[in-house]
Each structure stands twice: as C-alpha cells, then as structure tokens.
Amino acid sequence: MEENKDIRWKQRFQNFEKAFILLRNSLEAKSFSIVERAGIVQIFEFTFELGWKTLKDYLEEQGVKAAFPRDVIKEAFRSQLIEDGDTWMDMLDKRNLMAHTYDEDKAELAFRLIQEKYFAAIEKLHTKLNQVQ
C-alpha cells in the first residue's frame, strides 16, 4: 500500500511537471495576443490544480491528512514545501474567481499576477518536489 502512495504522488508530479513546463514556455514570449493571454490563464489554472493535488498526495505519503486546497496549502507551508503561503492562498482565491467569471479587466489582472508573482511560486514548488522525488 505504501508503494502505491509513493507512486501516486510521483505520477501526479509528472503531470504537474508537464503543465509547469507548458506554462514556463508559454510565458517566454515577448508579447501576447488576447487569445494567448487567455490560454496562459487556462494553463495556470490546471498547473495550479495539479500543484496542490501533488502536494496533497505527497503530504498523504508523509502521513499528513489534508483534503481541501486551503488545508493542503497550510500543511505544505508548515512542512516547508512552499515558502509563501499567502501567495498560494491568493492563487487559490484568484483561480476560483478566474474559473467562474470572465471579465477583461480581471483577466488582465490574472495574467499580470501569473507573470509577476504566481509563476515564481509554482516554479519554487516544482524545484522543491523535484528535489524530494
């Protein structure tokens, strides 16, 4: 049973890594059309989702139970898997907002936050999980 948990988080990490690389590569352009920005917001949404679920699986393997995203983020911060719990909570809040509404100003704000703040937090998580793998 323990081996299955270990495999589960590592398999989830592989999917997270693919999404992370897609997000990183997408952000390398110098300028973005409206459609590209919307696509990057969507890529961020599923990268974030895979990120917190990978954390959940990893924490579970370590014997830490946390079912909901907020609880997972708090436990990941407590376990020093993520450095900035506030940024992760902000990502969760903004991700929920992005998923349920579309407004050009909110989309622009989301895109800027992804570029200026969120990507760096996701990148740090990728690096950390890559090290413990």
Protein backbone atom coordinates (compact mmCIF):
# COMPACT_ATOMS: atom_id res chain seq x y z
CA MET A 1 0.00 0.00 0.00
CA GLU A 2 2.81 2.46 0.86
CA GLU A 3 4.39 1.89 -2.53
CA ASN A 4 1.13 2.88 -4.25
CA LYS A 5 1.05 6.20 -2.37
CA ASP A 6 4.66 6.85 -3.36
CA ILE A 7 3.85 6.05 -6.98
CA ARG A 8 0.68 8.16 -6.90
CA TRP A 9 2.39 11.41 -5.90
CA LYS A 10 5.23 10.78 -8.35
CA GLN A 11 2.78 10.15 -11.18
CA ARG A 12 0.88 13.30 -10.26
CA PHE A 13 4.21 15.17 -10.14
CA GLN A 14 4.96 14.06 -13.72
CA ASN A 15 1.69 15.64 -14.86
CA PHE A 16 2.38 18.75 -12.79
CA GLU A 17 5.83 18.97 -14.37
CA LYS A 18 4.38 18.79 -17.90
CA ALA A 19 1.93 21.57 -17.07
CA PHE A 20 4.67 23.63 -15.39
CA ILE A 21 6.90 23.34 -18.48
CA LEU A 22 4.00 24.35 -20.74
CA LEU A 23 3.31 27.38 -18.53
CA ARG A 24 7.00 28.32 -18.42
CA ASN A 25 7.36 28.01 -22.19
CA SER A 26 4.16 29.98 -22.79
CA LEU A 27 5.40 32.87 -20.67
CA GLU A 28 8.66 33.20 -22.63
CA ALA A 29 7.12 35.23 -25.45
CA LYS A 30 7.73 38.98 -25.56
CA SER A 31 4.15 40.00 -26.31
CA PHE A 32 0.82 38.21 -26.14
CA SER A 33 -2.46 38.42 -28.01
CA ILE A 34 -5.72 38.37 -26.07
CA VAL A 35 -6.18 34.72 -27.03
CA GLU A 36 -2.66 33.84 -25.86
CA ARG A 37 -3.26 35.59 -22.54
CA ALA A 38 -6.50 33.67 -22.07
CA GLY A 39 -4.66 30.45 -22.89
CA ILE A 40 -1.96 31.21 -20.34
CA VAL A 41 -4.60 31.85 -17.68
CA GLN A 42 -6.11 28.45 -18.51
CA ILE A 43 -2.69 26.76 -18.37
CA PHE A 44 -2.09 28.42 -15.00
CA GLU A 45 -5.42 27.10 -13.71
CA PHE A 46 -4.62 23.47 -14.46
CA THR A 47 -0.98 23.86 -13.38
CA PHE A 48 -2.13 25.26 -10.04
CA GLU A 49 -4.68 22.45 -9.69
CA LEU A 50 -2.04 19.80 -10.35
CA GLY A 51 0.33 21.60 -7.97
CA TRP A 52 -1.94 21.50 -4.94
CA LYS A 53 -3.07 17.94 -5.72
CA THR A 54 0.55 16.82 -5.99
CA LEU A 55 1.19 18.44 -2.61
CA LYS A 56 -1.85 16.62 -1.21
CA ASP A 57 -0.57 13.25 -2.45
CA TYR A 58 2.96 13.94 -1.18
CA LEU A 59 1.69 15.02 2.24
CA GLU A 60 -0.53 11.95 2.40
CA GLU A 61 2.51 9.77 1.78
CA GLN A 62 4.16 11.55 4.70
CA GLY A 63 1.17 10.75 6.92
CA VAL A 64 -0.37 14.23 6.80
CA LYS A 65 -4.09 14.29 6.04
CA ALA A 66 -5.49 17.34 4.26
CA ALA A 67 -8.41 17.05 1.88
CA PHE A 68 -9.20 20.57 0.75
CA PRO A 69 -6.92 23.02 -1.09
CA ARG A 70 -6.70 25.52 1.80
CA ASP A 71 -5.76 22.76 4.23
CA VAL A 72 -3.21 21.33 1.81
CA ILE A 73 -1.62 24.75 1.33
CA LYS A 74 -1.44 25.34 5.10
CA GLU A 75 0.15 21.91 5.68
CA ALA A 76 2.56 22.37 2.76
CA PHE A 77 3.67 25.70 4.25
CA ARG A 78 4.01 24.14 7.70
CA SER A 79 6.07 21.31 6.15
CA GLN A 80 8.21 23.87 4.26
CA LEU A 81 7.23 22.52 0.86
CA ILE A 82 6.10 26.01 -0.13
CA GLU A 83 7.74 29.23 1.02
CA ASP A 84 4.95 31.75 0.65
CA GLY A 85 1.63 30.52 1.97
CA ASP A 86 -0.01 33.90 1.35
CA THR A 87 0.83 33.76 -2.36
CA TRP A 88 -0.57 30.24 -2.58
CA MET A 89 -3.78 31.30 -0.82
CA ASP A 90 -4.02 34.25 -3.19
CA MET A 91 -3.54 31.91 -6.16
CA LEU A 92 -6.34 29.72 -4.82
CA ASP A 93 -8.69 32.68 -4.43
CA LYS A 94 -7.86 34.12 -7.85
CA ARG A 95 -8.05 30.70 -9.51
CA ASN A 96 -11.57 30.26 -8.13
CA LEU A 97 -12.51 33.71 -9.41
CA MET A 98 -10.96 33.06 -12.85
CA ALA A 99 -12.79 29.77 -13.21
CA HIS A 100 -16.25 31.26 -12.58
CA THR A 101 -16.23 34.64 -14.28
CA TYR A 102 -14.85 36.27 -17.37
CA ASP A 103 -14.15 39.95 -17.34
CA GLU A 104 -11.43 41.57 -19.43
CA ASP A 105 -10.04 43.60 -16.50
CA LYS A 106 -9.96 40.54 -14.23
CA ALA A 107 -8.33 38.52 -16.99
CA GLU A 108 -5.64 41.18 -17.39
CA LEU A 109 -5.06 41.26 -13.63
CA ALA A 110 -4.83 37.45 -13.54
CA PHE A 111 -2.33 37.45 -16.41
CA ARG A 112 -0.12 40.05 -14.70
CA LEU A 113 -0.23 38.16 -11.39
CA ILE A 114 0.77 34.95 -13.17
CA GLN A 115 3.71 36.71 -14.84
CA GLU A 116 4.86 38.77 -11.86
CA LYS A 117 4.12 36.57 -8.85
CA TYR A 118 2.40 33.23 -9.31
CA PHE A 119 4.76 31.63 -11.79
CA ALA A 120 7.70 32.12 -9.41
CA ALA A 121 5.79 30.35 -6.60
CA ILE A 122 4.89 27.45 -8.89
CA GLU A 123 8.48 27.26 -10.08
CA LYS A 124 9.72 27.02 -6.48
CA LEU A 125 7.28 24.19 -5.82
CA HIS A 126 8.49 22.38 -8.94
CA THR A 127 12.09 22.71 -7.79
CA LYS A 128 11.26 21.54 -4.25
CA LEU A 129 9.29 18.50 -5.37
CA ASN A 130 11.94 17.63 -7.93
CA GLN A 131 14.48 17.55 -5.08
CA VAL A 132 12.42 15.23 -2.84
CA GLN A 133 11.49 12.89 -5.67
